[in-house]
Amino acid sequence: MRTLFLLDNSVTARSGLEQVRAALDALNEQGDAIASCLPQVLEEGFSARNADEHKTIVEWNSTAKEFLAPNSRVAEEAMRIQTALFATGMGRAAGVSDIQIAATALAYSGDTQTVTVVHYDHDFDLIAQVVPELHTRWIVSRGSAG
């Protein structure tokens, strides 16, 4: 079974921290690939402070990661997640980008590969409560990376 680690921007934003860098190095050794998806790349790009930094982010995402493109299956999964959140009284508990990232992981997981969302964001715990087949993992323990 192939393993992909889909990084949330909550991880890349903390990649300057030594403990997060060490955890990312360990992921590179454990998985088959680090993946990205459109909402994650857009979140990362939005955090750029200038055009040069944005260009670096976009280039790094296009060359250093496997890109999981949006498709109709991702859209179906996103609607399923949001519906499940509303059905449990948590309709606005997870952000739209996080729902899309989780939906991408679900859409690309299957018999031959598992896509695990790696994050530092409680929203993914909430999503996993209502969609338990979603694989998630904190990059480092909650509360340890600010």
N, C-alpha and C. Protein backbone atom coordinates (compact mmCIF):
# COMPACT_ATOMS: atom_id res chain seq x y z
N MET A 1 0.84 -1.18 0.00
CA MET A 1 0.00 0.00 0.00
C MET A 1 0.89 1.24 0.00
N ARG A 2 0.63 2.12 -0.91
CA ARG A 2 1.38 3.37 -1.04
C ARG A 2 0.84 4.38 -0.03
N THR A 3 1.73 5.17 0.56
CA THR A 3 1.33 6.22 1.51
C THR A 3 1.76 7.57 0.99
N LEU A 4 0.80 8.49 0.91
CA LEU A 4 1.09 9.88 0.58
C LEU A 4 0.78 10.72 1.80
N PHE A 5 1.60 11.71 2.07
CA PHE A 5 1.35 12.66 3.14
C PHE A 5 0.98 13.99 2.51
N LEU A 6 -0.26 14.40 2.72
CA LEU A 6 -0.77 15.67 2.19
C LEU A 6 -0.60 16.72 3.27
N LEU A 7 0.31 17.66 3.03
CA LEU A 7 0.63 18.66 4.03
C LEU A 7 -0.34 19.83 3.99
N ASP A 8 -0.83 20.19 5.17
CA ASP A 8 -1.64 21.40 5.32
C ASP A 8 -0.69 22.59 5.51
N ASN A 9 -1.19 23.77 5.19
CA ASN A 9 -0.39 24.98 5.36
C ASN A 9 0.00 25.21 6.82
N SER A 10 -0.76 24.66 7.76
CA SER A 10 -0.41 24.78 9.18
C SER A 10 0.94 24.12 9.46
N VAL A 11 1.34 23.19 8.63
CA VAL A 11 2.65 22.54 8.76
C VAL A 11 3.71 23.39 8.08
N THR A 12 3.48 23.75 6.83
CA THR A 12 4.50 24.49 6.10
C THR A 12 4.77 25.85 6.74
N ALA A 13 3.75 26.45 7.36
CA ALA A 13 3.94 27.73 8.03
C ALA A 13 4.86 27.59 9.25
N ARG A 14 4.97 26.38 9.78
CA ARG A 14 5.82 26.14 10.95
C ARG A 14 7.11 25.40 10.59
N SER A 15 7.40 25.30 9.31
CA SER A 15 8.56 24.51 8.88
C SER A 15 9.89 25.12 9.32
N GLY A 16 9.89 26.34 9.79
CA GLY A 16 11.10 26.95 10.32
C GLY A 16 11.45 26.48 11.72
N LEU A 17 10.51 25.83 12.39
CA LEU A 17 10.76 25.31 13.73
C LEU A 17 11.53 23.99 13.65
N GLU A 18 12.53 23.85 14.47
CA GLU A 18 13.40 22.67 14.41
C GLU A 18 12.61 21.36 14.57
N GLN A 19 11.68 21.32 15.52
CA GLN A 19 10.93 20.09 15.75
C GLN A 19 10.03 19.74 14.56
N VAL A 20 9.50 20.75 13.89
CA VAL A 20 8.66 20.50 12.71
C VAL A 20 9.54 20.03 11.55
N ARG A 21 10.69 20.65 11.37
CA ARG A 21 11.62 20.20 10.31
C ARG A 21 12.02 18.75 10.53
N ALA A 22 12.31 18.38 11.78
CA ALA A 22 12.69 17.00 12.09
C ALA A 22 11.53 16.05 11.78
N ALA A 23 10.31 16.46 12.11
CA ALA A 23 9.14 15.63 11.82
C ALA A 23 8.92 15.50 10.31
N LEU A 24 9.17 16.57 9.56
CA LEU A 24 9.05 16.50 8.10
C LEU A 24 10.09 15.56 7.51
N ASP A 25 11.30 15.61 8.04
CA ASP A 25 12.34 14.68 7.59
C ASP A 25 11.92 13.23 7.84
N ALA A 26 11.32 12.99 9.00
CA ALA A 26 10.86 11.63 9.32
C ALA A 26 9.75 11.21 8.37
N LEU A 27 8.85 12.12 8.02
CA LEU A 27 7.78 11.80 7.06
C LEU A 27 8.37 11.40 5.72
N ASN A 28 9.38 12.12 5.29
CA ASN A 28 10.01 11.81 4.00
C ASN A 28 10.57 10.39 3.99
N GLU A 29 11.01 9.93 5.14
CA GLU A 29 11.56 8.57 5.24
C GLU A 29 10.46 7.52 5.34
N GLN A 30 9.30 7.88 5.91
CA GLN A 30 8.22 6.92 6.14
C GLN A 30 7.30 6.73 4.94
N GLY A 31 7.04 7.80 4.21
CA GLY A 31 6.04 7.74 3.15
C GLY A 31 6.64 7.59 1.78
N ASP A 32 5.76 7.39 0.83
CA ASP A 32 6.19 7.29 -0.56
C ASP A 32 6.34 8.66 -1.21
N ALA A 33 5.59 9.64 -0.70
CA ALA A 33 5.68 10.98 -1.28
C ALA A 33 4.98 11.99 -0.38
N ILE A 34 5.43 13.23 -0.50
CA ILE A 34 4.73 14.36 0.10
C ILE A 34 3.84 14.91 -1.01
N ALA A 35 2.59 15.18 -0.67
CA ALA A 35 1.63 15.63 -1.68
C ALA A 35 1.13 17.03 -1.36
N SER A 36 0.60 17.67 -2.38
CA SER A 36 -0.07 18.95 -2.21
C SER A 36 -1.36 18.92 -3.02
N CYS A 37 -2.21 19.91 -2.77
CA CYS A 37 -3.46 20.02 -3.52
C CYS A 37 -3.78 21.50 -3.67
N LEU A 38 -4.74 21.82 -4.51
CA LEU A 38 -5.02 23.22 -4.85
C LEU A 38 -5.31 24.08 -3.62
N PRO A 39 -6.23 23.71 -2.72
CA PRO A 39 -6.47 24.63 -1.60
C PRO A 39 -5.24 24.82 -0.71
N GLN A 40 -4.43 23.80 -0.57
CA GLN A 40 -3.21 23.92 0.23
C GLN A 40 -2.21 24.86 -0.44
N VAL A 41 -2.04 24.72 -1.75
CA VAL A 41 -1.11 25.58 -2.47
C VAL A 41 -1.60 27.03 -2.44
N LEU A 42 -2.91 27.23 -2.58
CA LEU A 42 -3.44 28.59 -2.52
C LEU A 42 -3.28 29.20 -1.14
N GLU A 43 -3.50 28.41 -0.10
CA GLU A 43 -3.27 28.90 1.27
C GLU A 43 -1.82 29.30 1.45
N GLU A 44 -0.92 28.45 1.00
CA GLU A 44 0.50 28.74 1.12
C GLU A 44 0.87 29.98 0.33
N GLY A 45 0.34 30.07 -0.89
CA GLY A 45 0.62 31.25 -1.71
C GLY A 45 0.09 32.53 -1.09
N PHE A 46 -1.06 32.45 -0.45
CA PHE A 46 -1.66 33.60 0.21
C PHE A 46 -0.77 34.11 1.34
N SER A 47 -0.01 33.21 1.95
CA SER A 47 0.85 33.61 3.07
C SER A 47 2.14 34.28 2.60
N ALA A 48 2.41 34.29 1.30
CA ALA A 48 3.63 34.92 0.79
C ALA A 48 3.61 36.42 1.09
N ARG A 49 4.79 36.95 1.37
CA ARG A 49 4.89 38.37 1.71
C ARG A 49 5.19 39.25 0.50
N ASN A 50 5.57 38.63 -0.62
CA ASN A 50 5.86 39.41 -1.82
C ASN A 50 5.86 38.47 -3.03
N ALA A 51 6.01 39.04 -4.21
CA ALA A 51 5.92 38.26 -5.45
C ALA A 51 7.04 37.21 -5.54
N ASP A 52 8.25 37.56 -5.11
CA ASP A 52 9.35 36.59 -5.18
C ASP A 52 9.08 35.39 -4.27
N GLU A 53 8.59 35.65 -3.07
CA GLU A 53 8.29 34.56 -2.14
C GLU A 53 7.14 33.70 -2.70
N HIS A 54 6.16 34.35 -3.31
CA HIS A 54 5.05 33.61 -3.91
C HIS A 54 5.57 32.71 -5.03
N LYS A 55 6.44 33.23 -5.86
CA LYS A 55 7.01 32.44 -6.95
C LYS A 55 7.75 31.23 -6.40
N THR A 56 8.51 31.41 -5.35
CA THR A 56 9.25 30.30 -4.72
C THR A 56 8.29 29.24 -4.21
N ILE A 57 7.22 29.67 -3.55
CA ILE A 57 6.23 28.73 -3.02
C ILE A 57 5.59 27.92 -4.14
N VAL A 58 5.18 28.60 -5.19
CA VAL A 58 4.52 27.92 -6.32
C VAL A 58 5.49 26.94 -6.98
N GLU A 59 6.72 27.36 -7.21
CA GLU A 59 7.70 26.48 -7.85
C GLU A 59 8.01 25.27 -6.97
N TRP A 60 8.18 25.50 -5.67
CA TRP A 60 8.47 24.39 -4.76
C TRP A 60 7.32 23.40 -4.76
N ASN A 61 6.09 23.88 -4.72
CA ASN A 61 4.94 22.99 -4.72
C ASN A 61 4.82 22.22 -6.03
N SER A 62 5.22 22.81 -7.13
CA SER A 62 5.07 22.12 -8.41
C SER A 62 6.20 21.13 -8.68
N THR A 63 7.34 21.29 -8.01
CA THR A 63 8.45 20.39 -8.29
C THR A 63 8.76 19.41 -7.17
N ALA A 64 8.48 19.79 -5.93
CA ALA A 64 8.91 18.97 -4.80
C ALA A 64 7.83 18.04 -4.27
N LYS A 65 6.62 18.17 -4.76
CA LYS A 65 5.51 17.39 -4.22
C LYS A 65 4.70 16.77 -5.35
N GLU A 66 3.98 15.73 -5.00
CA GLU A 66 3.02 15.15 -5.93
C GLU A 66 1.72 15.96 -5.81
N PHE A 67 1.21 16.46 -6.92
CA PHE A 67 0.02 17.31 -6.90
C PHE A 67 -1.24 16.46 -7.11
N LEU A 68 -2.18 16.58 -6.18
CA LEU A 68 -3.46 15.88 -6.26
C LEU A 68 -4.49 16.89 -6.77
N ALA A 69 -4.80 16.79 -8.05
CA ALA A 69 -5.65 17.78 -8.71
C ALA A 69 -7.11 17.68 -8.27
N PRO A 70 -7.80 18.83 -8.25
CA PRO A 70 -9.23 18.79 -7.94
C PRO A 70 -10.00 18.08 -9.05
N ASN A 71 -11.04 17.36 -8.67
CA ASN A 71 -11.88 16.68 -9.64
C ASN A 71 -13.28 16.50 -9.05
N SER A 72 -14.16 15.86 -9.76
CA SER A 72 -15.54 15.72 -9.28
C SER A 72 -15.62 14.88 -8.01
N ARG A 73 -14.73 13.92 -7.85
CA ARG A 73 -14.72 13.10 -6.63
C ARG A 73 -14.37 13.95 -5.41
N VAL A 74 -13.43 14.87 -5.56
CA VAL A 74 -13.06 15.79 -4.48
C VAL A 74 -14.28 16.63 -4.10
N ALA A 75 -15.00 17.13 -5.10
CA ALA A 75 -16.19 17.93 -4.83
C ALA A 75 -17.25 17.13 -4.08
N GLU A 76 -17.45 15.89 -4.48
CA GLU A 76 -18.42 15.02 -3.79
C GLU A 76 -18.02 14.80 -2.34
N GLU A 77 -16.76 14.54 -2.11
CA GLU A 77 -16.27 14.31 -0.75
C GLU A 77 -16.40 15.58 0.10
N ALA A 78 -16.11 16.73 -0.48
CA ALA A 78 -16.24 17.99 0.25
C ALA A 78 -17.68 18.23 0.70
N MET A 79 -18.62 17.96 -0.19
CA MET A 79 -20.03 18.12 0.18
C MET A 79 -20.43 17.11 1.24
N ARG A 80 -19.91 15.92 1.15
CA ARG A 80 -20.20 14.89 2.15
C ARG A 80 -19.67 15.30 3.53
N ILE A 81 -18.46 15.85 3.56
CA ILE A 81 -17.87 16.30 4.81
C ILE A 81 -18.69 17.44 5.41
N GLN A 82 -18.99 18.43 4.59
CA GLN A 82 -19.74 19.58 5.11
C GLN A 82 -21.12 19.16 5.60
N THR A 83 -21.78 18.27 4.88
CA THR A 83 -23.09 17.76 5.30
C THR A 83 -22.97 17.03 6.64
N ALA A 84 -21.94 16.21 6.79
CA ALA A 84 -21.74 15.48 8.04
C ALA A 84 -21.46 16.43 9.20
N LEU A 85 -20.69 17.48 8.95
CA LEU A 85 -20.44 18.47 10.00
C LEU A 85 -21.73 19.15 10.44
N PHE A 86 -22.56 19.56 9.48
CA PHE A 86 -23.82 20.20 9.83
C PHE A 86 -24.76 19.23 10.55
N ALA A 87 -24.75 17.97 10.14
CA ALA A 87 -25.63 16.97 10.76
C ALA A 87 -25.29 16.73 12.23
N THR A 88 -24.04 17.02 12.60
CA THR A 88 -23.62 16.81 13.98
C THR A 88 -23.52 18.12 14.76
N GLY A 89 -24.05 19.20 14.19
CA GLY A 89 -24.03 20.49 14.88
C GLY A 89 -22.70 21.21 14.81
N MET A 90 -21.80 20.78 13.91
CA MET A 90 -20.49 21.41 13.78
C MET A 90 -20.30 22.02 12.38
N GLY A 91 -21.38 22.53 11.81
CA GLY A 91 -21.35 22.98 10.43
C GLY A 91 -20.29 24.00 10.09
N ARG A 92 -19.97 24.87 11.03
CA ARG A 92 -18.97 25.91 10.77
C ARG A 92 -17.70 25.70 11.57
N ALA A 93 -17.51 24.50 12.07
CA ALA A 93 -16.36 24.22 12.93
C ALA A 93 -15.06 24.06 12.14
N ALA A 94 -15.15 23.70 10.88
CA ALA A 94 -13.95 23.51 10.04
C ALA A 94 -14.01 24.47 8.87
N GLY A 95 -12.88 25.05 8.54
CA GLY A 95 -12.82 25.99 7.44
C GLY A 95 -12.96 25.33 6.08
N VAL A 96 -13.35 26.13 5.10
CA VAL A 96 -13.60 25.62 3.76
C VAL A 96 -12.34 25.00 3.15
N SER A 97 -11.20 25.65 3.31
CA SER A 97 -9.97 25.08 2.76
C SER A 97 -9.64 23.75 3.41
N ASP A 98 -9.82 23.65 4.72
CA ASP A 98 -9.54 22.39 5.41
C ASP A 98 -10.49 21.29 4.95
N ILE A 99 -11.74 21.64 4.71
CA ILE A 99 -12.70 20.66 4.17
C ILE A 99 -12.23 20.19 2.80
N GLN A 100 -11.77 21.10 1.96
CA GLN A 100 -11.31 20.74 0.62
C GLN A 100 -10.05 19.87 0.67
N ILE A 101 -9.15 20.18 1.60
CA ILE A 101 -7.94 19.38 1.75
C ILE A 101 -8.32 17.97 2.21
N ALA A 102 -9.20 17.87 3.20
CA ALA A 102 -9.65 16.56 3.68
C ALA A 102 -10.35 15.80 2.55
N ALA A 103 -11.17 16.49 1.78
CA ALA A 103 -11.87 15.86 0.67
C ALA A 103 -10.89 15.32 -0.37
N THR A 104 -9.83 16.05 -0.62
CA THR A 104 -8.80 15.59 -1.56
C THR A 104 -8.16 14.31 -1.05
N ALA A 105 -7.85 14.27 0.24
CA ALA A 105 -7.25 13.06 0.82
C ALA A 105 -8.20 11.87 0.68
N LEU A 106 -9.47 12.07 0.95
CA LEU A 106 -10.45 10.99 0.82
C LEU A 106 -10.59 10.53 -0.62
N ALA A 107 -10.66 11.50 -1.55
CA ALA A 107 -10.87 11.17 -2.96
C ALA A 107 -9.69 10.39 -3.54
N TYR A 108 -8.49 10.66 -3.07
CA TYR A 108 -7.30 10.01 -3.62
C TYR A 108 -6.88 8.77 -2.83
N SER A 109 -7.55 8.48 -1.72
CA SER A 109 -7.27 7.25 -0.96
C SER A 109 -8.09 6.12 -1.56
N GLY A 110 -7.55 4.93 -1.52
CA GLY A 110 -8.27 3.79 -2.07
C GLY A 110 -7.56 2.49 -1.78
N ASP A 111 -7.78 1.53 -2.64
CA ASP A 111 -7.21 0.19 -2.44
C ASP A 111 -5.69 0.15 -2.55
N THR A 112 -5.11 1.07 -3.34
CA THR A 112 -3.67 1.00 -3.57
C THR A 112 -2.88 2.07 -2.83
N GLN A 113 -3.56 3.09 -2.30
CA GLN A 113 -2.83 4.12 -1.57
C GLN A 113 -3.71 4.76 -0.50
N THR A 114 -3.03 5.26 0.52
CA THR A 114 -3.66 6.02 1.58
C THR A 114 -3.06 7.41 1.57
N VAL A 115 -3.93 8.41 1.62
CA VAL A 115 -3.48 9.79 1.72
C VAL A 115 -3.80 10.27 3.13
N THR A 116 -2.77 10.63 3.87
CA THR A 116 -2.91 11.11 5.24
C THR A 116 -2.68 12.61 5.27
N VAL A 117 -3.62 13.36 5.83
CA VAL A 117 -3.46 14.80 5.99
C VAL A 117 -2.56 15.03 7.21
N VAL A 118 -1.45 15.69 6.98
CA VAL A 118 -0.53 16.04 8.06
C VAL A 118 -0.74 17.52 8.36
N HIS A 119 -0.98 17.81 9.63
CA HIS A 119 -1.44 19.16 9.98
C HIS A 119 -0.97 19.57 11.36
N TYR A 120 -1.25 20.83 11.68
CA TYR A 120 -1.14 21.37 13.03
C TYR A 120 -2.38 22.26 13.21
N ASP A 121 -3.55 21.62 13.10
CA ASP A 121 -4.82 22.36 13.03
C ASP A 121 -5.95 21.46 13.52
N HIS A 122 -6.60 21.87 14.59
CA HIS A 122 -7.68 21.09 15.21
C HIS A 122 -8.86 20.83 14.26
N ASP A 123 -9.03 21.65 13.22
CA ASP A 123 -10.14 21.43 12.27
C ASP A 123 -10.13 20.01 11.71
N PHE A 124 -8.95 19.46 11.48
CA PHE A 124 -8.88 18.12 10.91
C PHE A 124 -9.34 17.05 11.90
N ASP A 125 -9.14 17.30 13.18
CA ASP A 125 -9.68 16.38 14.19
C ASP A 125 -11.20 16.39 14.14
N LEU A 126 -11.79 17.57 13.98
CA LEU A 126 -13.25 17.68 13.92
C LEU A 126 -13.80 16.97 12.68
N ILE A 127 -13.12 17.16 11.56
CA ILE A 127 -13.56 16.50 10.33
C ILE A 127 -13.47 14.98 10.50
N ALA A 128 -12.38 14.50 11.08
CA ALA A 128 -12.21 13.06 11.27
C ALA A 128 -13.25 12.48 12.23
N GLN A 129 -13.79 13.29 13.12
CA GLN A 129 -14.85 12.81 14.01
C GLN A 129 -16.10 12.43 13.22
N VAL A 130 -16.39 13.20 12.16
CA VAL A 130 -17.62 12.94 11.39
C VAL A 130 -17.36 12.10 10.14
N VAL A 131 -16.10 12.00 9.73
CA VAL A 131 -15.72 11.16 8.59
C VAL A 131 -14.52 10.33 9.04
N PRO A 132 -14.80 9.26 9.80
CA PRO A 132 -13.71 8.52 10.45
C PRO A 132 -12.74 7.83 9.51
N GLU A 133 -13.09 7.66 8.25
CA GLU A 133 -12.14 7.04 7.32
C GLU A 133 -11.04 7.99 6.87
N LEU A 134 -11.14 9.27 7.25
CA LEU A 134 -10.09 10.24 6.94
C LEU A 134 -8.87 9.96 7.81
N HIS A 135 -7.73 9.81 7.17
CA HIS A 135 -6.48 9.61 7.89
C HIS A 135 -5.84 10.97 8.15
N THR A 136 -5.57 11.26 9.42
CA THR A 136 -4.94 12.52 9.79
C THR A 136 -3.80 12.25 10.76
N ARG A 137 -2.92 13.23 10.84
CA ARG A 137 -1.76 13.10 11.73
C ARG A 137 -1.25 14.50 12.07
N TRP A 138 -1.10 14.78 13.34
CA TRP A 138 -0.45 16.02 13.76
C TRP A 138 1.03 15.92 13.42
N ILE A 139 1.61 16.99 12.88
CA ILE A 139 3.03 16.97 12.52
C ILE A 139 3.89 16.82 13.78
N VAL A 140 3.53 17.50 14.83
CA VAL A 140 4.10 17.36 16.17
C VAL A 140 2.91 17.43 17.13
N SER A 141 3.10 17.07 18.37
CA SER A 141 1.97 17.03 19.29
C SER A 141 1.32 18.41 19.43
N ARG A 142 0.01 18.37 19.59
CA ARG A 142 -0.78 19.58 19.71
C ARG A 142 -0.27 20.44 20.87
N GLY A 143 -0.12 21.73 20.61
CA GLY A 143 0.34 22.65 21.63
C GLY A 143 1.85 22.80 21.73
N SER A 144 2.59 22.01 20.96
CA SER A 144 4.06 22.04 21.08
C SER A 144 4.74 22.94 20.07
N ALA A 145 4.00 23.43 19.07
CA ALA A 145 4.63 24.25 18.04
C ALA A 145 3.94 25.61 17.88
N GLY A 146 3.29 26.06 18.89
CA GLY A 146 2.69 27.39 18.90
C GLY A 146 1.57 27.64 18.02
